[in-house]
N, C-alpha and C. Protein backbone atom coordinates (compact mmCIF):
# COMPACT_ATOMS: atom_id res chain seq x y z
N MET A 1 93.58 96.51 112.85
CA MET A 1 92.58 95.44 112.91
C MET A 1 92.00 95.35 114.31
N ARG A 2 90.74 95.31 114.38
CA ARG A 2 90.17 95.09 115.73
C ARG A 2 90.33 93.59 116.05
N MET A 3 90.43 93.26 117.29
CA MET A 3 90.77 91.92 117.70
C MET A 3 89.56 91.05 118.09
N THR A 4 88.39 91.66 118.18
CA THR A 4 87.17 90.94 118.47
C THR A 4 86.06 91.36 117.54
N GLY A 5 85.02 90.51 117.50
CA GLY A 5 83.84 90.82 116.71
C GLY A 5 84.02 90.61 115.20
N ASN A 6 85.03 89.81 114.84
CA ASN A 6 85.29 89.55 113.42
C ASN A 6 84.78 88.18 113.00
N THR A 7 84.63 87.99 111.71
CA THR A 7 84.47 86.64 111.12
C THR A 7 85.69 86.49 110.25
N ILE A 8 86.54 85.53 110.64
CA ILE A 8 87.87 85.37 110.07
C ILE A 8 88.03 84.07 109.33
N PHE A 9 88.55 84.15 108.08
CA PHE A 9 88.86 82.99 107.35
C PHE A 9 90.42 82.85 107.23
N ILE A 10 90.91 81.66 107.63
CA ILE A 10 92.34 81.45 107.66
C ILE A 10 92.67 80.25 106.79
N THR A 11 93.49 80.49 105.75
CA THR A 11 93.97 79.40 104.90
C THR A 11 95.11 78.68 105.65
N GLY A 12 95.14 77.40 105.50
CA GLY A 12 96.21 76.65 106.22
C GLY A 12 96.00 76.70 107.73
N GLY A 13 94.73 76.68 108.15
CA GLY A 13 94.42 76.84 109.59
C GLY A 13 94.44 75.59 110.39
N GLY A 14 94.75 74.43 109.80
CA GLY A 14 94.68 73.18 110.57
C GLY A 14 95.98 72.80 111.27
N SER A 15 97.04 73.58 111.03
CA SER A 15 98.30 73.23 111.68
C SER A 15 99.23 74.47 111.74
N GLY A 16 100.28 74.38 112.46
CA GLY A 16 101.29 75.41 112.51
C GLY A 16 100.79 76.78 112.90
N ILE A 17 101.37 77.80 112.19
CA ILE A 17 101.03 79.16 112.50
C ILE A 17 99.56 79.41 112.31
N GLY A 18 99.00 78.89 111.26
CA GLY A 18 97.55 79.08 110.99
C GLY A 18 96.69 78.53 112.16
N GLN A 19 97.02 77.38 112.62
CA GLN A 19 96.25 76.83 113.75
C GLN A 19 96.42 77.75 115.00
N GLY A 20 97.62 78.22 115.22
CA GLY A 20 97.88 79.13 116.37
C GLY A 20 97.07 80.38 116.24
N LEU A 21 97.05 80.97 115.04
CA LEU A 21 96.25 82.18 114.87
C LEU A 21 94.77 81.89 115.06
N ALA A 22 94.29 80.79 114.46
CA ALA A 22 92.87 80.39 114.60
C ALA A 22 92.48 80.23 116.06
N GLU A 23 93.28 79.54 116.81
CA GLU A 23 92.93 79.33 118.22
C GLU A 23 92.97 80.61 119.04
N ALA A 24 93.94 81.46 118.73
CA ALA A 24 94.03 82.76 119.48
C ALA A 24 92.82 83.64 119.13
N PHE A 25 92.47 83.75 117.87
CA PHE A 25 91.29 84.56 117.49
C PHE A 25 90.06 83.98 118.00
N HIS A 26 89.94 82.67 118.01
CA HIS A 26 88.72 81.99 118.49
C HIS A 26 88.55 82.25 120.01
N LYS A 27 89.62 82.19 120.75
CA LYS A 27 89.54 82.46 122.20
C LYS A 27 89.14 83.89 122.49
N LEU A 28 89.41 84.83 121.59
CA LEU A 28 88.98 86.19 121.76
C LEU A 28 87.51 86.42 121.40
N GLY A 29 86.84 85.39 120.97
CA GLY A 29 85.40 85.47 120.65
C GLY A 29 85.06 85.71 119.18
N ASN A 30 86.04 85.66 118.31
CA ASN A 30 85.74 85.82 116.88
C ASN A 30 85.20 84.56 116.32
N LYS A 31 84.44 84.67 115.21
CA LYS A 31 84.00 83.51 114.48
C LYS A 31 85.16 83.18 113.54
N VAL A 32 85.67 81.97 113.66
CA VAL A 32 86.84 81.55 112.90
C VAL A 32 86.52 80.36 111.96
N ILE A 33 86.88 80.51 110.70
CA ILE A 33 86.69 79.41 109.68
C ILE A 33 88.11 79.12 109.23
N ILE A 34 88.53 77.86 109.39
CA ILE A 34 89.87 77.42 108.96
C ILE A 34 89.72 76.64 107.66
N SER A 35 90.78 76.53 106.93
CA SER A 35 90.77 75.69 105.74
C SER A 35 92.11 74.97 105.57
N GLY A 36 92.08 73.92 104.76
CA GLY A 36 93.24 73.17 104.41
C GLY A 36 92.87 71.98 103.58
N ARG A 37 93.87 71.21 103.18
CA ARG A 37 93.61 70.05 102.31
C ARG A 37 93.40 68.78 103.15
N ARG A 38 93.91 68.75 104.37
CA ARG A 38 93.86 67.50 105.18
C ARG A 38 92.70 67.53 106.16
N LYS A 39 91.69 66.75 105.83
CA LYS A 39 90.46 66.73 106.70
C LYS A 39 90.78 66.38 108.16
N GLU A 40 91.71 65.41 108.33
CA GLU A 40 91.99 65.02 109.71
C GLU A 40 92.63 66.11 110.54
N ARG A 41 93.47 66.94 109.93
CA ARG A 41 94.08 68.10 110.67
C ARG A 41 93.03 69.08 110.96
N LEU A 42 92.13 69.34 110.02
CA LEU A 42 91.03 70.31 110.29
C LEU A 42 90.13 69.79 111.44
N GLN A 43 89.80 68.51 111.36
CA GLN A 43 88.92 67.95 112.39
C GLN A 43 89.58 68.00 113.80
N GLN A 44 90.86 67.73 113.83
CA GLN A 44 91.53 67.80 115.15
C GLN A 44 91.47 69.20 115.75
N THR A 45 91.65 70.19 114.91
CA THR A 45 91.57 71.58 115.34
C THR A 45 90.12 71.92 115.79
N LEU A 46 89.15 71.45 115.00
CA LEU A 46 87.77 71.70 115.36
C LEU A 46 87.39 71.04 116.70
N ASP A 47 87.86 69.82 116.86
CA ASP A 47 87.55 69.04 118.11
C ASP A 47 88.13 69.78 119.30
N ALA A 48 89.26 70.39 119.17
CA ALA A 48 89.88 71.12 120.29
C ALA A 48 89.33 72.50 120.49
N ASN A 49 88.52 72.99 119.56
CA ASN A 49 87.99 74.35 119.57
C ASN A 49 86.52 74.37 119.19
N PRO A 50 85.63 73.95 120.05
CA PRO A 50 84.20 73.92 119.73
C PRO A 50 83.73 75.30 119.31
N GLY A 51 82.94 75.28 118.21
CA GLY A 51 82.42 76.54 117.68
C GLY A 51 83.18 77.06 116.47
N MET A 52 84.39 76.54 116.27
CA MET A 52 85.16 76.93 115.12
C MET A 52 84.60 76.13 113.90
N ALA A 53 84.76 76.64 112.73
CA ALA A 53 84.25 75.97 111.53
C ALA A 53 85.42 75.69 110.57
N ALA A 54 85.24 74.81 109.60
CA ALA A 54 86.27 74.46 108.65
C ALA A 54 85.66 74.18 107.30
N ILE A 55 86.45 74.47 106.28
CA ILE A 55 86.15 74.03 104.89
C ILE A 55 87.41 73.55 104.27
N GLU A 56 87.24 72.56 103.36
CA GLU A 56 88.36 72.04 102.65
C GLU A 56 88.78 73.04 101.60
N LEU A 57 90.05 73.22 101.37
CA LEU A 57 90.55 74.11 100.33
C LEU A 57 91.92 73.64 99.89
N ASP A 58 92.08 73.52 98.59
CA ASP A 58 93.40 73.29 97.99
C ASP A 58 93.79 74.63 97.38
N ILE A 59 94.69 75.30 98.03
CA ILE A 59 95.14 76.65 97.59
C ILE A 59 95.80 76.66 96.25
N ASN A 60 96.16 75.50 95.73
CA ASN A 60 96.79 75.38 94.42
C ASN A 60 95.76 75.16 93.29
N ASP A 61 94.50 75.04 93.61
CA ASP A 61 93.48 74.74 92.64
C ASP A 61 92.48 75.91 92.57
N THR A 62 92.44 76.51 91.36
CA THR A 62 91.56 77.67 91.24
C THR A 62 90.07 77.35 91.39
N THR A 63 89.68 76.13 91.02
CA THR A 63 88.31 75.71 91.21
C THR A 63 87.98 75.62 92.71
N SER A 64 88.91 75.07 93.47
CA SER A 64 88.74 74.94 94.90
C SER A 64 88.66 76.31 95.58
N ILE A 65 89.49 77.25 95.09
CA ILE A 65 89.49 78.64 95.67
C ILE A 65 88.11 79.27 95.35
N GLN A 66 87.65 79.17 94.17
CA GLN A 66 86.35 79.75 93.80
C GLN A 66 85.21 79.16 94.62
N ALA A 67 85.24 77.81 94.80
CA ALA A 67 84.21 77.10 95.57
C ALA A 67 84.27 77.58 97.04
N ALA A 68 85.45 77.75 97.61
CA ALA A 68 85.61 78.20 98.97
C ALA A 68 85.04 79.62 99.11
N ALA A 69 85.40 80.48 98.18
CA ALA A 69 84.91 81.86 98.25
C ALA A 69 83.40 81.91 98.18
N GLN A 70 82.83 81.11 97.30
CA GLN A 70 81.34 81.07 97.21
C GLN A 70 80.74 80.55 98.46
N HIS A 71 81.29 79.50 99.05
CA HIS A 71 80.83 78.92 100.31
C HIS A 71 80.90 79.99 101.45
N LEU A 72 82.01 80.67 101.52
CA LEU A 72 82.22 81.64 102.55
C LEU A 72 81.24 82.82 102.45
N THR A 73 81.10 83.38 101.28
CA THR A 73 80.19 84.52 101.12
C THR A 73 78.72 84.15 101.33
N THR A 74 78.40 82.88 100.98
CA THR A 74 77.02 82.42 101.18
C THR A 74 76.73 82.05 102.64
N HIS A 75 77.62 81.32 103.25
CA HIS A 75 77.36 80.81 104.63
C HIS A 75 77.88 81.73 105.77
N TYR A 76 78.78 82.63 105.42
CA TYR A 76 79.36 83.61 106.39
C TYR A 76 79.40 85.00 105.75
N PRO A 77 78.19 85.55 105.50
CA PRO A 77 78.17 86.85 104.81
C PRO A 77 78.79 87.99 105.60
N GLU A 78 78.98 87.75 106.88
CA GLU A 78 79.63 88.77 107.77
C GLU A 78 81.17 88.72 107.67
N LEU A 79 81.70 87.79 106.90
CA LEU A 79 83.15 87.62 106.74
C LEU A 79 83.80 88.99 106.50
N ASN A 80 84.79 89.33 107.32
CA ASN A 80 85.47 90.58 107.19
C ASN A 80 86.98 90.52 107.28
N VAL A 81 87.52 89.32 107.50
CA VAL A 81 88.96 89.16 107.62
C VAL A 81 89.41 87.91 106.85
N LEU A 82 90.39 88.10 105.99
CA LEU A 82 91.08 87.00 105.29
C LEU A 82 92.50 86.95 105.73
N ILE A 83 92.92 85.79 106.22
CA ILE A 83 94.34 85.60 106.60
C ILE A 83 94.88 84.53 105.63
N ASN A 84 95.71 84.99 104.71
CA ASN A 84 96.37 84.14 103.75
C ASN A 84 97.63 83.55 104.44
N ASN A 85 97.50 82.36 104.95
CA ASN A 85 98.56 81.73 105.72
C ASN A 85 99.10 80.47 105.10
N ALA A 86 98.30 79.73 104.28
CA ALA A 86 98.74 78.47 103.72
C ALA A 86 100.06 78.65 103.00
N GLY A 87 101.00 77.74 103.24
CA GLY A 87 102.27 77.82 102.54
C GLY A 87 103.10 76.56 102.76
N ILE A 88 104.14 76.45 101.95
CA ILE A 88 105.07 75.34 102.06
C ILE A 88 106.49 75.85 101.93
N MET A 89 107.41 75.14 102.64
CA MET A 89 108.80 75.49 102.52
C MET A 89 109.59 74.23 102.16
N LEU A 90 109.99 74.20 100.89
CA LEU A 90 110.74 73.04 100.38
C LEU A 90 112.19 73.47 100.14
N PHE A 91 113.11 72.60 100.39
CA PHE A 91 114.54 72.96 100.16
C PHE A 91 114.89 72.74 98.74
N ASP A 92 115.41 73.87 98.12
CA ASP A 92 115.72 73.83 96.67
C ASP A 92 117.19 73.99 96.38
N HIS A 93 117.97 74.36 97.34
CA HIS A 93 119.45 74.45 97.18
C HIS A 93 119.81 75.16 95.89
N ALA A 94 119.63 76.48 95.89
CA ALA A 94 119.82 77.32 94.70
C ALA A 94 121.32 77.35 94.19
N GLU A 95 122.22 76.75 94.91
CA GLU A 95 123.56 76.74 94.40
C GLU A 95 123.74 75.76 93.23
N GLY A 96 122.66 75.02 92.91
CA GLY A 96 122.64 74.09 91.78
C GLY A 96 121.33 74.25 91.08
N PRO A 97 121.08 73.41 90.10
CA PRO A 97 119.79 73.47 89.36
C PRO A 97 118.60 73.27 90.32
N VAL A 98 117.62 74.11 90.16
CA VAL A 98 116.40 74.04 90.95
C VAL A 98 115.35 73.22 90.20
N ASP A 99 114.81 72.23 90.85
CA ASP A 99 113.76 71.37 90.30
C ASP A 99 112.58 72.24 89.93
N ASP A 100 112.17 72.14 88.64
CA ASP A 100 111.08 72.98 88.15
C ASP A 100 109.77 72.68 88.88
N GLU A 101 109.49 71.41 89.12
CA GLU A 101 108.24 71.01 89.79
C GLU A 101 108.17 71.57 91.20
N LEU A 102 109.31 71.56 91.92
CA LEU A 102 109.40 72.10 93.26
C LEU A 102 109.13 73.64 93.19
N ALA A 103 109.83 74.30 92.23
CA ALA A 103 109.67 75.75 92.11
C ALA A 103 108.22 76.14 91.80
N LEU A 104 107.58 75.43 90.86
CA LEU A 104 106.22 75.73 90.48
C LEU A 104 105.27 75.49 91.63
N LEU A 105 105.44 74.42 92.37
CA LEU A 105 104.60 74.11 93.51
C LEU A 105 104.73 75.22 94.59
N THR A 106 105.93 75.63 94.88
CA THR A 106 106.19 76.60 95.89
C THR A 106 105.62 77.99 95.49
N VAL A 107 105.82 78.39 94.23
CA VAL A 107 105.29 79.66 93.78
C VAL A 107 103.76 79.63 93.76
N THR A 108 103.20 78.54 93.27
CA THR A 108 101.74 78.41 93.22
C THR A 108 101.11 78.46 94.63
N THR A 109 101.71 77.73 95.56
CA THR A 109 101.14 77.68 96.93
C THR A 109 101.34 78.98 97.66
N ASN A 110 102.58 79.49 97.65
CA ASN A 110 102.92 80.61 98.53
C ASN A 110 102.62 81.97 97.95
N LEU A 111 102.53 82.11 96.64
CA LEU A 111 102.29 83.44 96.07
C LEU A 111 101.03 83.50 95.27
N LEU A 112 100.81 82.61 94.31
CA LEU A 112 99.61 82.63 93.53
C LEU A 112 98.37 82.32 94.33
N GLY A 113 98.55 81.37 95.29
CA GLY A 113 97.40 81.04 96.18
C GLY A 113 96.82 82.25 96.88
N PRO A 114 97.68 83.00 97.59
CA PRO A 114 97.15 84.21 98.25
C PRO A 114 96.61 85.26 97.26
N ILE A 115 97.25 85.41 96.12
CA ILE A 115 96.76 86.36 95.10
C ILE A 115 95.36 85.89 94.67
N ARG A 116 95.18 84.63 94.36
CA ARG A 116 93.89 84.10 93.91
C ARG A 116 92.84 84.18 94.97
N MET A 117 93.20 83.82 96.23
CA MET A 117 92.24 83.85 97.33
C MET A 117 91.78 85.25 97.60
N THR A 118 92.69 86.20 97.59
CA THR A 118 92.39 87.60 97.79
C THR A 118 91.46 88.10 96.65
N SER A 119 91.84 87.78 95.46
CA SER A 119 91.01 88.15 94.28
C SER A 119 89.58 87.64 94.39
N ALA A 120 89.45 86.37 94.86
CA ALA A 120 88.10 85.78 94.97
C ALA A 120 87.24 86.41 96.05
N LEU A 121 87.89 87.05 97.04
CA LEU A 121 87.13 87.63 98.14
C LEU A 121 87.13 89.16 98.25
N VAL A 122 87.97 89.82 97.44
CA VAL A 122 88.20 91.24 97.59
C VAL A 122 86.94 92.09 97.48
N GLU A 123 86.09 91.81 96.54
CA GLU A 123 84.90 92.62 96.36
C GLU A 123 83.97 92.47 97.57
N HIS A 124 83.85 91.24 98.10
CA HIS A 124 83.04 90.98 99.32
C HIS A 124 83.65 91.77 100.47
N LEU A 125 84.96 91.70 100.65
CA LEU A 125 85.62 92.34 101.75
C LEU A 125 85.55 93.86 101.68
N LYS A 126 85.64 94.44 100.46
CA LYS A 126 85.53 95.87 100.32
C LYS A 126 84.22 96.45 100.82
N ALA A 127 83.18 95.61 100.78
CA ALA A 127 81.84 96.05 101.23
C ALA A 127 81.64 96.00 102.75
N LYS A 128 82.67 95.46 103.49
CA LYS A 128 82.55 95.29 104.93
C LYS A 128 83.33 96.34 105.65
N PRO A 129 82.69 96.92 106.68
CA PRO A 129 83.47 97.86 107.52
C PRO A 129 84.57 97.11 108.30
N ASP A 130 85.71 97.72 108.43
CA ASP A 130 86.82 97.08 109.18
C ASP A 130 87.34 95.84 108.56
N ALA A 131 87.19 95.70 107.24
CA ALA A 131 87.76 94.53 106.56
C ALA A 131 89.28 94.59 106.55
N VAL A 132 89.90 93.39 106.64
CA VAL A 132 91.34 93.27 106.67
C VAL A 132 91.77 92.06 105.87
N ILE A 133 92.86 92.23 105.13
CA ILE A 133 93.55 91.08 104.51
C ILE A 133 94.94 91.01 105.04
N VAL A 134 95.27 89.88 105.66
CA VAL A 134 96.58 89.62 106.23
C VAL A 134 97.30 88.59 105.43
N ASN A 135 98.53 88.85 105.01
CA ASN A 135 99.37 87.89 104.32
C ASN A 135 100.49 87.49 105.23
N VAL A 136 100.53 86.23 105.61
CA VAL A 136 101.61 85.72 106.46
C VAL A 136 102.82 85.46 105.63
N SER A 137 103.90 86.20 105.94
CA SER A 137 105.14 86.10 105.23
C SER A 137 106.15 85.43 106.11
N SER A 138 107.43 85.83 105.97
CA SER A 138 108.49 85.21 106.75
C SER A 138 109.68 86.20 106.76
N VAL A 139 110.51 86.04 107.77
CA VAL A 139 111.73 86.82 107.81
C VAL A 139 112.57 86.53 106.54
N LEU A 140 112.38 85.31 106.01
CA LEU A 140 113.17 84.96 104.79
C LEU A 140 112.73 85.75 103.56
N GLY A 141 111.64 86.47 103.65
CA GLY A 141 111.24 87.38 102.58
C GLY A 141 112.15 88.58 102.63
N PHE A 142 112.80 88.88 103.74
CA PHE A 142 113.66 90.02 103.89
C PHE A 142 115.15 89.61 103.91
N VAL A 143 115.42 88.47 104.48
CA VAL A 143 116.80 87.92 104.60
C VAL A 143 116.73 86.53 104.04
N PRO A 144 116.90 86.33 102.70
CA PRO A 144 116.72 85.06 102.06
C PRO A 144 117.79 84.02 102.48
N MET A 145 117.44 82.75 102.33
CA MET A 145 118.35 81.68 102.65
C MET A 145 118.53 80.79 101.39
N ALA A 146 119.76 80.57 101.04
CA ALA A 146 120.12 79.87 99.74
C ALA A 146 119.49 78.50 99.68
N VAL A 147 119.35 77.79 100.81
CA VAL A 147 118.83 76.40 100.70
C VAL A 147 117.33 76.37 100.49
N THR A 148 116.73 77.49 100.58
CA THR A 148 115.25 77.62 100.31
C THR A 148 114.99 78.93 99.59
N ALA A 149 115.71 79.17 98.53
CA ALA A 149 115.66 80.40 97.77
C ALA A 149 114.30 80.68 97.14
N VAL A 150 113.64 79.67 96.60
CA VAL A 150 112.34 79.91 95.97
C VAL A 150 111.33 80.26 97.03
N TYR A 151 111.31 79.61 98.14
CA TYR A 151 110.46 79.98 99.29
C TYR A 151 110.71 81.40 99.68
N SER A 152 111.98 81.78 99.85
CA SER A 152 112.35 83.14 100.22
C SER A 152 111.78 84.17 99.22
N ALA A 153 111.92 83.85 97.97
CA ALA A 153 111.43 84.73 96.92
C ALA A 153 109.90 84.90 96.96
N THR A 154 109.20 83.78 97.26
CA THR A 154 107.73 83.89 97.34
C THR A 154 107.29 84.73 98.50
N LYS A 155 108.04 84.62 99.59
CA LYS A 155 107.67 85.43 100.78
C LYS A 155 108.00 86.88 100.56
N ALA A 156 109.06 87.17 99.84
CA ALA A 156 109.36 88.58 99.45
C ALA A 156 108.24 89.07 98.56
N GLY A 157 107.81 88.26 97.59
CA GLY A 157 106.69 88.64 96.74
C GLY A 157 105.42 88.94 97.51
N LEU A 158 105.18 88.12 98.55
CA LEU A 158 103.98 88.32 99.37
C LEU A 158 104.06 89.63 100.12
N VAL A 159 105.21 90.05 100.52
CA VAL A 159 105.41 91.36 101.16
C VAL A 159 105.08 92.45 100.15
N GLY A 160 105.60 92.30 98.91
CA GLY A 160 105.27 93.30 97.91
C GLY A 160 103.78 93.31 97.58
N LEU A 161 103.13 92.19 97.56
CA LEU A 161 101.66 92.14 97.33
C LEU A 161 100.93 92.92 98.43
N ALA A 162 101.34 92.65 99.66
CA ALA A 162 100.67 93.30 100.82
C ALA A 162 100.88 94.83 100.77
N ARG A 163 102.11 95.25 100.43
CA ARG A 163 102.36 96.65 100.36
C ARG A 163 101.66 97.36 99.18
N SER A 164 101.34 96.58 98.17
CA SER A 164 100.62 97.16 97.01
C SER A 164 99.19 97.47 97.39
């Protein structure tokens, strides 16, 4: 991936790793569009980084994903990088029964979200030279942790998705 001259969309870009990536790529002169569910987090990141853009996105909602993809391809036709970063890590303690709602939320956010976001943008990205899709995983995808087994499994799945 070239480090400059890109138009980059980052899911979960208003905090944590996503915010760090957004700020680093922005400082290199890339056009960066961040997304997330929390307007206040997005606005804080925008305020600290003039020229960066943001859109609201709920990675768990297929309608929100489709709307975001439509907005991106319409308003940022030069988009050539997708960074699937949005994720959650909830403690599920696999030594006992795992709460189904927690498992479903984790799988939907961490694995189905990136699959759906990629699917929504892949045809657009394939038409761009130097297009890149980055999936942010975790060491726990390789060395799982029992207290967060579902998270670990989703991150392993994300690795498999990227390798595919």
